[in-house]
Amino acid sequence: MLHRFRVAMVRPGRDRLTGRVEVDEAYVGGVEGGAGGRETDTKSIVAIAVEIQQPRGFGRIRLKRVDDVSKDSLIPFIQDAVAPGATVHTDGWQAYWTVPDHGYTHERTVMRQQNDPAHVVMPGVHRVASLLKRWLLGTHQGKVSPEHLDAYLNEFTFRFNRRRSRRRGLLFYRLLQQAVATDPITYRA
C-alpha cells in the first residue's frame, strides 16, 4: 500500500524548478568504498536538483535515480526537472558542459579550483543529499534496493517539498485525492 501512495506522491504535470537551481549527483545505498569519487559498483546514483532562494534558503527539489553520470543520463534529468531559462549551477563534471545548449544559463564551479569545500560552494545539493541519506538510514535502515529506490525518492521529495506546510491535514487530504486519481499499480510493476 505504501508503494501505491509513493506513486501518488508525484503529481502528473507538476511545475519544473525555476530561478537558480543547483544540480549534482550523489551515491546512496550499497557498500562504502571505491576510488575516484564517481566510480561505484554497489551504490545507486541519484541526480539532485534544488531551487536556491535568495537571499538564503532552499525551495523545491527533484530527485531521480540515474544509470550513470554521463551526459545521456544527467541532461534528460535536468530537462525534466528544471524549466528552460533557469540558471543551472553545477560542478565542473564534463557531462554538464552541454547544459547551455538546452536553453539554460549555466554556472559551472570547478571544485578543484576552489578553496572552499563542495558543501560550502553548492550547499543545496549537499544538504539534500545528506538529509536523504540520513532519512534512508533512519527509516529504512540503509537497506534500499535499486528497484525500489525511485519510490523512496518520490516519498522524500513529497515530504521535503511540503516541509513548511501549515495545514498538515490538508496534505493527507491531497495525497488521498491524488491516490484516487492515480492509475492502479501492481507489485510487479
Protein backbone atom coordinates (compact mmCIF):
# COMPACT_ATOMS: atom_id res chain seq x y z
CA MET A 1 0.00 0.00 0.00
CA LEU A 2 2.85 2.38 0.80
CA HIS A 3 4.29 1.90 -2.67
CA ARG A 4 0.93 2.88 -4.15
CA PHE A 5 0.93 6.05 -2.07
CA ARG A 6 4.52 6.77 -3.12
CA VAL A 7 3.47 6.63 -6.78
CA ALA A 8 0.59 9.00 -6.00
CA MET A 9 3.00 11.47 -4.38
CA VAL A 10 4.24 12.50 -7.83
CA ARG A 11 1.62 14.80 -9.30
CA PRO A 12 1.43 14.49 -13.10
CA GLY A 13 2.27 17.78 -14.81
CA ARG A 14 3.97 19.26 -11.75
CA ASP A 15 5.84 22.51 -12.29
CA ARG A 16 9.53 22.33 -13.02
CA LEU A 17 12.07 24.12 -10.84
CA THR A 18 12.79 27.76 -11.69
CA GLY A 19 15.25 30.53 -10.83
CA ARG A 20 18.69 29.41 -9.70
CA VAL A 21 18.92 25.62 -9.42
CA GLU A 22 21.85 23.57 -8.12
CA VAL A 23 22.31 20.17 -9.80
CA ASP A 24 24.63 17.38 -8.76
CA GLU A 25 24.59 13.66 -8.16
CA ALA A 26 25.02 11.54 -5.04
CA TYR A 27 25.53 7.88 -4.28
CA VAL A 28 23.17 6.05 -1.93
CA GLY A 29 22.89 2.51 -0.61
CA GLY A 30 25.43 -0.20 -1.26
CA VAL A 31 28.74 -0.65 0.49
CA GLU A 32 31.21 2.11 1.34
CA GLY A 33 34.43 2.11 -0.62
CA GLY A 34 35.74 2.61 -4.12
CA ALA A 35 38.08 5.22 -5.50
CA GLY A 36 37.71 8.13 -7.86
CA GLY A 37 34.63 9.85 -6.44
CA ARG A 38 32.20 8.95 -9.22
CA GLU A 39 33.09 5.26 -9.54
CA THR A 40 30.82 2.71 -7.92
CA ASP A 41 29.67 -0.86 -8.37
CA THR A 42 27.27 -1.28 -5.48
CA LYS A 43 25.75 2.14 -4.91
CA SER A 44 22.86 3.73 -6.77
CA ILE A 45 23.33 7.14 -8.38
CA VAL A 46 20.74 9.80 -7.56
CA ALA A 47 20.55 13.05 -9.53
CA ILE A 48 19.54 16.00 -7.34
CA ALA A 49 18.14 19.42 -8.30
CA VAL A 50 17.45 22.09 -5.66
CA GLU A 51 15.91 25.54 -6.10
CA ILE A 52 18.04 28.14 -4.34
CA GLN A 53 16.09 31.00 -2.80
CA GLN A 54 17.62 34.43 -2.32
CA PRO A 55 18.97 35.71 -0.02
CA ARG A 56 19.10 32.25 1.57
CA GLY A 57 17.21 29.00 1.83
CA PHE A 58 16.08 26.18 -0.38
CA GLY A 59 12.88 25.79 -2.36
CA ARG A 60 11.59 22.65 -4.01
CA ILE A 61 13.68 19.64 -5.01
CA ARG A 62 13.65 16.90 -7.63
CA LEU A 63 15.38 13.53 -7.25
CA LYS A 64 15.80 10.67 -9.70
CA ARG A 65 17.84 7.51 -9.86
CA VAL A 66 20.05 7.57 -12.97
CA ASP A 67 22.01 4.77 -14.61
CA ASP A 68 25.32 6.60 -14.73
CA VAL A 69 26.89 10.06 -14.56
CA SER A 70 27.07 10.52 -18.32
CA LYS A 71 25.59 13.36 -20.34
CA ASP A 72 22.96 10.92 -21.65
CA SER A 73 21.62 10.40 -18.12
CA LEU A 74 22.11 13.81 -16.50
CA ILE A 75 20.91 16.17 -19.26
CA PRO A 76 17.47 14.47 -19.57
CA PHE A 77 17.13 14.71 -15.78
CA ILE A 78 17.79 18.45 -15.96
CA GLN A 79 15.30 18.86 -18.81
CA ASP A 80 12.60 17.02 -16.82
CA ALA A 81 13.30 18.81 -13.53
CA VAL A 82 14.26 22.38 -14.48
CA ALA A 83 12.27 24.90 -16.53
CA PRO A 84 14.04 26.37 -19.57
CA GLY A 85 15.57 29.77 -18.88
CA ALA A 86 16.60 28.87 -15.34
CA THR A 87 20.18 29.21 -14.13
CA VAL A 88 21.69 25.77 -13.54
CA HIS A 89 24.68 25.67 -11.17
CA THR A 90 26.80 22.51 -11.43
CA ASP A 91 30.27 21.35 -10.60
CA GLY A 92 32.92 21.02 -13.31
CA TRP A 93 31.93 17.49 -14.37
CA GLN A 94 32.12 17.17 -18.17
CA ALA A 95 28.63 15.69 -18.51
CA TYR A 96 27.22 19.14 -17.67
CA TRP A 97 29.16 21.05 -20.33
CA THR A 98 26.23 20.99 -22.80
CA VAL A 99 23.69 22.47 -20.35
CA PRO A 100 23.67 25.86 -22.18
CA ASP A 101 22.75 24.09 -25.45
CA HIS A 102 19.38 23.16 -23.93
CA GLY A 103 18.13 26.64 -23.04
CA TYR A 104 19.66 27.15 -19.59
CA THR A 105 22.11 29.64 -18.19
CA HIS A 106 24.98 27.56 -16.86
CA GLU A 107 27.09 28.39 -13.81
CA ARG A 108 29.98 25.96 -13.55
CA THR A 109 32.18 25.71 -10.48
CA VAL A 110 35.27 23.54 -10.79
CA MET A 111 35.71 22.16 -7.28
CA ARG A 112 39.44 21.50 -7.64
CA GLN A 113 39.99 25.23 -8.19
CA GLN A 114 38.06 26.22 -5.04
CA ASN A 115 39.49 26.90 -1.60
CA ASP A 116 36.11 26.12 -0.03
CA PRO A 117 34.77 22.57 0.28
CA ALA A 118 31.97 21.41 -2.03
CA HIS A 119 29.27 21.68 0.67
CA VAL A 120 30.07 25.39 1.01
CA VAL A 121 30.17 26.14 -2.72
CA MET A 122 26.99 24.15 -3.51
CA PRO A 123 25.11 23.92 -0.20
CA GLY A 124 21.70 22.98 -1.60
CA VAL A 125 22.50 19.66 -3.25
CA HIS A 126 24.88 18.62 -0.49
CA ARG A 127 22.34 19.38 2.24
CA VAL A 128 19.60 17.47 0.40
CA ALA A 129 21.94 14.52 -0.26
CA SER A 130 22.87 14.44 3.42
CA LEU A 131 19.22 14.60 4.55
CA LEU A 132 18.26 11.90 2.03
CA LYS A 133 20.99 9.54 3.23
CA ARG A 134 20.11 10.16 6.88
CA TRP A 135 16.40 9.55 6.14
CA LEU A 136 17.13 6.31 4.26
CA LEU A 137 19.40 5.15 7.08
CA GLY A 138 16.93 6.04 9.83
CA THR A 139 13.70 4.98 8.16
CA HIS A 140 14.84 2.06 6.02
CA GLN A 141 18.00 1.08 7.95
CA GLY A 142 20.01 1.91 4.81
CA LYS A 143 18.73 -1.19 3.01
CA VAL A 144 17.32 0.27 -0.16
CA SER A 145 17.31 -1.87 -3.27
CA PRO A 146 17.75 -0.08 -6.60
CA GLU A 147 14.38 -1.35 -7.91
CA HIS A 148 12.54 0.37 -5.04
CA LEU A 149 14.74 3.45 -4.74
CA ASP A 150 12.62 5.59 -7.08
CA ALA A 151 9.57 5.07 -4.84
CA TYR A 152 11.57 6.16 -1.78
CA LEU A 153 12.87 9.20 -3.69
CA ASN A 154 9.27 10.14 -4.54
CA GLU A 155 8.32 9.99 -0.87
CA PHE A 156 11.34 12.02 0.25
CA THR A 157 10.64 14.67 -2.42
CA PHE A 158 6.97 14.86 -1.39
CA ARG A 159 7.91 15.33 2.27
CA PHE A 160 10.71 17.82 1.62
CA ASN A 161 8.67 19.99 -0.74
CA ARG A 162 5.89 20.24 1.85
CA ARG A 163 8.10 20.74 4.92
CA ARG A 164 6.76 24.25 5.55
CA SER A 165 3.09 23.40 5.16
CA ARG A 166 0.95 24.87 7.92
CA ARG A 167 -2.02 22.62 7.19
CA ARG A 168 -0.82 19.04 7.74
CA GLY A 169 -4.34 17.60 7.47
CA LEU A 170 -4.71 19.13 4.03
CA LEU A 171 -1.54 17.32 2.89
CA PHE A 172 -3.10 13.99 3.78
CA TYR A 173 -6.30 15.00 2.01
CA ARG A 174 -4.36 15.99 -1.15
CA LEU A 175 -2.44 12.71 -1.08
CA LEU A 176 -5.70 10.77 -0.92
CA GLN A 177 -7.08 12.85 -3.82
CA GLN A 178 -4.01 12.03 -5.90
CA ALA A 179 -4.17 8.35 -4.88
CA VAL A 180 -7.76 8.10 -6.14
CA ALA A 181 -6.81 9.78 -9.43
CA THR A 182 -3.66 7.64 -9.94
CA ASP A 183 -3.89 4.50 -12.05
CA PRO A 184 -3.64 1.23 -10.10
CA ILE A 185 -0.16 -0.25 -9.74
CA THR A 186 0.71 -3.87 -9.12
CA TYR A 187 3.64 -5.09 -7.05
CA ARG A 188 5.27 -6.48 -10.19
CA ALA A 189 5.06 -3.07 -11.91
